[in-house]
Amino acid sequence: MSATNDIEFDPNTYDIEDSDDVINLAKSLVNGHYPGILGTIDLEGKPQMRWMSTLALDEFPVFQTLTSPESRKVREILAHPEVNWMFFNKDLSLVVNLKGRARVVDDGPSLKRIWQRIVDMSHAYFLEHYHKKPGFCAIETVVESIELHSPKHNVHFTLNPFEMA
């Protein structure tokens, strides 16, 4: 198994006893170097999707992402904290869905700590258009379930990351 986005997955070698390997497989896709797709519920109760890439993942299954404090997703999360994240490998043979609850983080000390842990800032475009300090907030997600799908191998697993610890 590689730590890149070109993960090979052998469905014949998985055993429920190897759940740590599945968590590590999920972590290798959710590594901060590739965008994820964040699903929220808008104020009318309809699903909304957008890609996000400024991720801090070293506390997984809790992780953070940066965004504009005036973004729609912030208002959506304040009203409906249930979220779904989707990540996938390069050839789309493996998809990871992370379902959980999110909260908006906007206090200075927490933002400073999160800022220092972001893996890739190259797509933080919102910072170029925001002129108030600090110019960003964070969305913190606590993952309640991890779903791994391999359409290529017709395999599906759902795990609770906190039961694995």
C-alpha atoms as a PDB file:
ATOM      1  CA  MET A   1       0.000   0.000   0.000  1.00  0.00           C
ATOM      2  CA  SER A   2       1.516   3.342  -0.949  1.00  0.00           C
ATOM      3  CA  ALA A   3       1.051   6.662   0.820  1.00  0.00           C
ATOM      4  CA  THR A   4       0.395   8.443  -2.431  1.00  0.00           C
ATOM      5  CA  ASN A   5      -2.846   9.001  -4.242  1.00  0.00           C
ATOM      6  CA  ASP A   6      -2.175   5.873  -6.364  1.00  0.00           C
ATOM      7  CA  ILE A   7      -3.267   3.398  -3.694  1.00  0.00           C
ATOM      8  CA  GLU A   8      -3.531  -0.262  -4.585  1.00  0.00           C
ATOM      9  CA  PHE A   9      -6.291  -2.132  -2.822  1.00  0.00           C
ATOM     10  CA  ASP A  10      -6.556  -5.908  -2.604  1.00  0.00           C
ATOM     11  CA  PRO A  11     -10.058  -6.826  -1.403  1.00  0.00           C
ATOM     12  CA  ASN A  12      -9.003 -10.421  -0.810  1.00  0.00           C
ATOM     13  CA  THR A  13      -6.588  -9.534   1.990  1.00  0.00           C
ATOM     14  CA  TYR A  14      -8.934  -7.581   4.264  1.00  0.00           C
ATOM     15  CA  ASP A  15      -9.942  -9.040   7.618  1.00  0.00           C
ATOM     16  CA  ILE A  16     -11.987  -7.138  10.223  1.00  0.00           C
ATOM     17  CA  GLU A  17      -9.017  -7.662  12.559  1.00  0.00           C
ATOM     18  CA  ASP A  18      -7.042  -5.408  10.192  1.00  0.00           C
ATOM     19  CA  SER A  19      -9.244  -2.357  10.793  1.00  0.00           C
ATOM     20  CA  ASP A  20      -6.160  -0.264  11.653  1.00  0.00           C
ATOM     21  CA  ASP A  21      -4.995  -0.903   8.076  1.00  0.00           C
ATOM     22  CA  VAL A  22      -8.312   0.419   6.772  1.00  0.00           C
ATOM     23  CA  ILE A  23      -7.954   3.532   8.949  1.00  0.00           C
ATOM     24  CA  ASN A  24      -4.436   3.997   7.569  1.00  0.00           C
ATOM     25  CA  LEU A  25      -5.746   3.497   4.042  1.00  0.00           C
ATOM     26  CA  ALA A  26      -8.343   6.225   4.655  1.00  0.00           C
ATOM     27  CA  LYS A  27      -5.663   8.506   6.134  1.00  0.00           C
ATOM     28  CA  SER A  28      -3.464   8.017   3.061  1.00  0.00           C
ATOM     29  CA  LEU A  29      -6.242   9.464   0.870  1.00  0.00           C
ATOM     30  CA  VAL A  30      -7.135  12.149   3.379  1.00  0.00           C
ATOM     31  CA  ASN A  31      -3.595  13.474   3.574  1.00  0.00           C
ATOM     32  CA  GLY A  32      -3.987  17.197   2.885  1.00  0.00           C
ATOM     33  CA  HIS A  33      -2.252  17.115  -0.495  1.00  0.00           C
ATOM     34  CA  TYR A  34      -5.448  16.548  -2.457  1.00  0.00           C
ATOM     35  CA  PRO A  35      -8.766  18.340  -2.192  1.00  0.00           C
ATOM     36  CA  GLY A  36     -11.770  16.777  -0.596  1.00  0.00           C
ATOM     37  CA  ILE A  37     -15.391  17.454  -1.407  1.00  0.00           C
ATOM     38  CA  LEU A  38     -17.393  18.846   1.491  1.00  0.00           C
ATOM     39  CA  GLY A  39     -21.143  18.247   1.609  1.00  0.00           C
ATOM     40  CA  THR A  40     -23.319  20.444   3.803  1.00  0.00           C
ATOM     41  CA  ILE A  41     -27.031  21.140   4.192  1.00  0.00           C
ATOM     42  CA  ASP A  42     -28.079  24.638   3.126  1.00  0.00           C
ATOM     43  CA  LEU A  43     -30.569  26.865   4.917  1.00  0.00           C
ATOM     44  CA  GLU A  44     -33.395  25.455   2.759  1.00  0.00           C
ATOM     45  CA  GLY A  45     -32.479  21.864   3.702  1.00  0.00           C
ATOM     46  CA  LYS A  46     -30.853  21.080   0.337  1.00  0.00           C
ATOM     47  CA  PRO A  47     -27.432  19.464  -0.091  1.00  0.00           C
ATOM     48  CA  GLN A  48     -24.500  21.620  -1.184  1.00  0.00           C
ATOM     49  CA  MET A  49     -21.065  20.427  -2.348  1.00  0.00           C
ATOM     50  CA  ARG A  50     -17.739  22.175  -2.786  1.00  0.00           C
ATOM     51  CA  TRP A  51     -14.093  21.201  -2.901  1.00  0.00           C
ATOM     52  CA  MET A  52     -11.800  22.136  -0.019  1.00  0.00           C
ATOM     53  CA  SER A  53      -8.057  21.768   0.164  1.00  0.00           C
ATOM     54  CA  THR A  54      -6.569  23.669   3.116  1.00  0.00           C
ATOM     55  CA  LEU A  55      -6.629  20.738   5.518  1.00  0.00           C
ATOM     56  CA  ALA A  56      -4.964  19.958   8.860  1.00  0.00           C
ATOM     57  CA  LEU A  57      -5.253  16.215   9.434  1.00  0.00           C
ATOM     58  CA  ASP A  58      -2.697  15.277  12.093  1.00  0.00           C
ATOM     59  CA  GLU A  59      -5.424  14.774  14.746  1.00  0.00           C
ATOM     60  CA  PHE A  60      -7.497  12.403  12.581  1.00  0.00           C
ATOM     61  CA  PRO A  61     -10.375  11.415  13.044  1.00  0.00           C
ATOM     62  CA  VAL A  62     -10.752  15.084  13.978  1.00  0.00           C
ATOM     63  CA  PHE A  63      -9.537  17.485  11.314  1.00  0.00           C
ATOM     64  CA  GLN A  64      -9.776  21.113  10.292  1.00  0.00           C
ATOM     65  CA  THR A  65      -9.947  23.167   7.115  1.00  0.00           C
ATOM     66  CA  LEU A  66      -9.673  26.907   6.530  1.00  0.00           C
ATOM     67  CA  THR A  67     -12.314  29.027   4.857  1.00  0.00           C
ATOM     68  CA  SER A  68     -13.678  32.548   4.633  1.00  0.00           C
ATOM     69  CA  PRO A  69     -15.723  33.501   7.696  1.00  0.00           C
ATOM     70  CA  GLU A  70     -18.342  34.966   5.344  1.00  0.00           C
ATOM     71  CA  SER A  71     -18.774  31.816   3.240  1.00  0.00           C
ATOM     72  CA  ARG A  72     -22.118  30.099   2.818  1.00  0.00           C
ATOM     73  CA  LYS A  73     -20.706  26.864   4.216  1.00  0.00           C
ATOM     74  CA  VAL A  74     -20.052  28.600   7.553  1.00  0.00           C
ATOM     75  CA  ARG A  75     -23.709  29.668   7.810  1.00  0.00           C
ATOM     76  CA  GLU A  76     -24.799  26.191   6.722  1.00  0.00           C
ATOM     77  CA  ILE A  77     -22.678  24.442   9.355  1.00  0.00           C
ATOM     78  CA  LEU A  78     -23.882  26.785  12.080  1.00  0.00           C
ATOM     79  CA  ALA A  79     -27.465  25.805  11.197  1.00  0.00           C
ATOM     80  CA  HIS A  80     -26.855  22.113  10.327  1.00  0.00           C
ATOM     81  CA  PRO A  81     -23.564  20.691  11.668  1.00  0.00           C
ATOM     82  CA  GLU A  82     -23.919  17.324   9.891  1.00  0.00           C
ATOM     83  CA  VAL A  83     -21.365  17.049   7.058  1.00  0.00           C
ATOM     84  CA  ASN A  84     -20.009  14.513   4.611  1.00  0.00           C
ATOM     85  CA  TRP A  85     -16.512  14.641   3.117  1.00  0.00           C
ATOM     86  CA  MET A  86     -15.473  12.640   0.049  1.00  0.00           C
ATOM     87  CA  PHE A  87     -11.896  11.866  -0.977  1.00  0.00           C
ATOM     88  CA  PHE A  88     -10.705   9.544  -3.742  1.00  0.00           C
ATOM     89  CA  ASN A  89      -7.528   8.228  -5.315  1.00  0.00           C
ATOM     90  CA  LYS A  90      -6.210   9.196  -8.727  1.00  0.00           C
ATOM     91  CA  ASP A  91      -7.827   6.378 -10.741  1.00  0.00           C
ATOM     92  CA  LEU A  92     -11.113   6.585  -8.759  1.00  0.00           C
ATOM     93  CA  SER A  93     -10.818   2.948  -7.704  1.00  0.00           C
ATOM     94  CA  LEU A  94     -11.086   3.910  -4.026  1.00  0.00           C
ATOM     95  CA  VAL A  95     -13.461   6.437  -2.461  1.00  0.00           C
ATOM     96  CA  VAL A  96     -13.512   7.474   1.200  1.00  0.00           C
ATOM     97  CA  ASN A  97     -16.548   9.166   2.740  1.00  0.00           C
ATOM     98  CA  LEU A  98     -16.131  10.726   6.161  1.00  0.00           C
ATOM     99  CA  LYS A  99     -19.413  11.494   7.894  1.00  0.00           C
ATOM    100  CA  GLY A 100     -19.545  13.548  11.035  1.00  0.00           C
ATOM    101  CA  ARG A 101     -20.331  16.793  12.762  1.00  0.00           C
ATOM    102  CA  ALA A 102     -18.607  20.075  12.088  1.00  0.00           C
ATOM    103  CA  ARG A 103     -18.219  23.275  14.035  1.00  0.00           C
ATOM    104  CA  VAL A 104     -16.866  26.695  13.152  1.00  0.00           C
ATOM    105  CA  VAL A 105     -13.667  27.710  14.959  1.00  0.00           C
ATOM    106  CA  ASP A 106     -12.948  31.437  15.096  1.00  0.00           C
ATOM    107  CA  ASP A 107     -10.939  32.115  18.260  1.00  0.00           C
ATOM    108  CA  GLY A 108      -7.417  33.466  17.730  1.00  0.00           C
ATOM    109  CA  PRO A 109      -5.332  30.862  19.606  1.00  0.00           C
ATOM    110  CA  SER A 110      -7.095  27.940  17.899  1.00  0.00           C
ATOM    111  CA  LEU A 111      -6.810  29.557  14.464  1.00  0.00           C
ATOM    112  CA  LYS A 112      -3.080  30.120  14.968  1.00  0.00           C
ATOM    113  CA  ARG A 113      -2.583  26.473  15.964  1.00  0.00           C
ATOM    114  CA  ILE A 114      -4.624  25.227  12.974  1.00  0.00           C
ATOM    115  CA  TRP A 115      -2.879  27.600  10.522  1.00  0.00           C
ATOM    116  CA  GLN A 116       0.493  26.114  11.478  1.00  0.00           C
ATOM    117  CA  ARG A 117      -0.752  22.572  10.796  1.00  0.00           C
ATOM    118  CA  ILE A 118      -2.268  23.118   7.323  1.00  0.00           C
ATOM    119  CA  VAL A 119      -0.560  20.787   4.854  1.00  0.00           C
ATOM    120  CA  ASP A 120      -1.010  22.783   1.617  1.00  0.00           C
ATOM    121  CA  MET A 121      -1.935  26.487   1.398  1.00  0.00           C
ATOM    122  CA  SER A 122      -1.657  26.753  -2.399  1.00  0.00           C
ATOM    123  CA  HIS A 123      -5.443  26.792  -2.869  1.00  0.00           C
ATOM    124  CA  ALA A 124      -6.416  29.212  -0.085  1.00  0.00           C
ATOM    125  CA  TYR A 125      -7.861  31.585  -2.685  1.00  0.00           C
ATOM    126  CA  PHE A 126     -10.296  33.162  -0.230  1.00  0.00           C
ATOM    127  CA  LEU A 127      -7.357  34.852   1.545  1.00  0.00           C
ATOM    128  CA  GLU A 128      -6.725  37.012  -1.534  1.00  0.00           C
ATOM    129  CA  HIS A 129     -10.220  38.511  -1.329  1.00  0.00           C
ATOM    130  CA  TYR A 130     -10.637  39.100   2.366  1.00  0.00           C
ATOM    131  CA  HIS A 131      -9.173  42.228   3.952  1.00  0.00           C
ATOM    132  CA  LYS A 132     -10.258  41.994   7.590  1.00  0.00           C
ATOM    133  CA  LYS A 133      -8.006  40.279  10.118  1.00  0.00           C
ATOM    134  CA  PRO A 134      -7.538  37.360  10.505  1.00  0.00           C
ATOM    135  CA  GLY A 135      -9.344  36.798   7.185  1.00  0.00           C
ATOM    136  CA  PHE A 136     -10.218  33.181   7.835  1.00  0.00           C
ATOM    137  CA  CYS A 137     -11.940  30.807  10.182  1.00  0.00           C
ATOM    138  CA  ALA A 138     -11.722  27.045  10.457  1.00  0.00           C
ATOM    139  CA  ILE A 139     -14.200  24.246  10.122  1.00  0.00           C
ATOM    140  CA  GLU A 140     -13.448  21.367  12.457  1.00  0.00           C
ATOM    141  CA  THR A 141     -14.986  17.997  11.687  1.00  0.00           C
ATOM    142  CA  VAL A 142     -15.271  15.108  14.124  1.00  0.00           C
ATOM    143  CA  VAL A 143     -15.547  11.985  11.967  1.00  0.00           C
ATOM    144  CA  GLU A 144     -18.232   9.611  13.234  1.00  0.00           C
ATOM    145  CA  SER A 145     -18.009   7.050  10.434  1.00  0.00           C
ATOM    146  CA  ILE A 146     -15.586   6.145   7.679  1.00  0.00           C
ATOM    147  CA  GLU A 147     -16.947   4.500   4.548  1.00  0.00           C
ATOM    148  CA  LEU A 148     -14.497   3.006   2.100  1.00  0.00           C
ATOM    149  CA  HIS A 149     -15.754   2.031  -1.345  1.00  0.00           C
ATOM    150  CA  SER A 150     -13.821   0.299  -4.055  1.00  0.00           C
ATOM    151  CA  PRO A 151     -16.083   0.260  -7.112  1.00  0.00           C
ATOM    152  CA  LYS A 152     -13.295  -1.502  -9.007  1.00  0.00           C
ATOM    153  CA  HIS A 153     -13.292  -4.398  -6.513  1.00  0.00           C
ATOM    154  CA  ASN A 154     -16.971  -4.262  -5.462  1.00  0.00           C
ATOM    155  CA  VAL A 155     -15.998  -3.725  -1.804  1.00  0.00           C
ATOM    156  CA  HIS A 156     -17.606  -1.502   0.834  1.00  0.00           C
ATOM    157  CA  PHE A 157     -16.678  -1.036   4.514  1.00  0.00           C
ATOM    158  CA  THR A 158     -18.110   1.232   7.179  1.00  0.00           C
ATOM    159  CA  LEU A 159     -16.112   1.798  10.347  1.00  0.00           C
ATOM    160  CA  ASN A 160     -16.411   3.922  13.470  1.00  0.00           C
ATOM    161  CA  PRO A 161     -12.956   5.476  13.930  1.00  0.00           C
ATOM    162  CA  PHE A 162     -13.362   5.839  17.696  1.00  0.00           C
ATOM    163  CA  GLU A 163     -14.172   2.140  18.151  1.00  0.00           C
ATOM    164  CA  MET A 164     -10.856   1.316  16.470  1.00  0.00           C
ATOM    165  CA  ALA A 165      -8.812   3.194  19.077  1.00  0.00           C
END
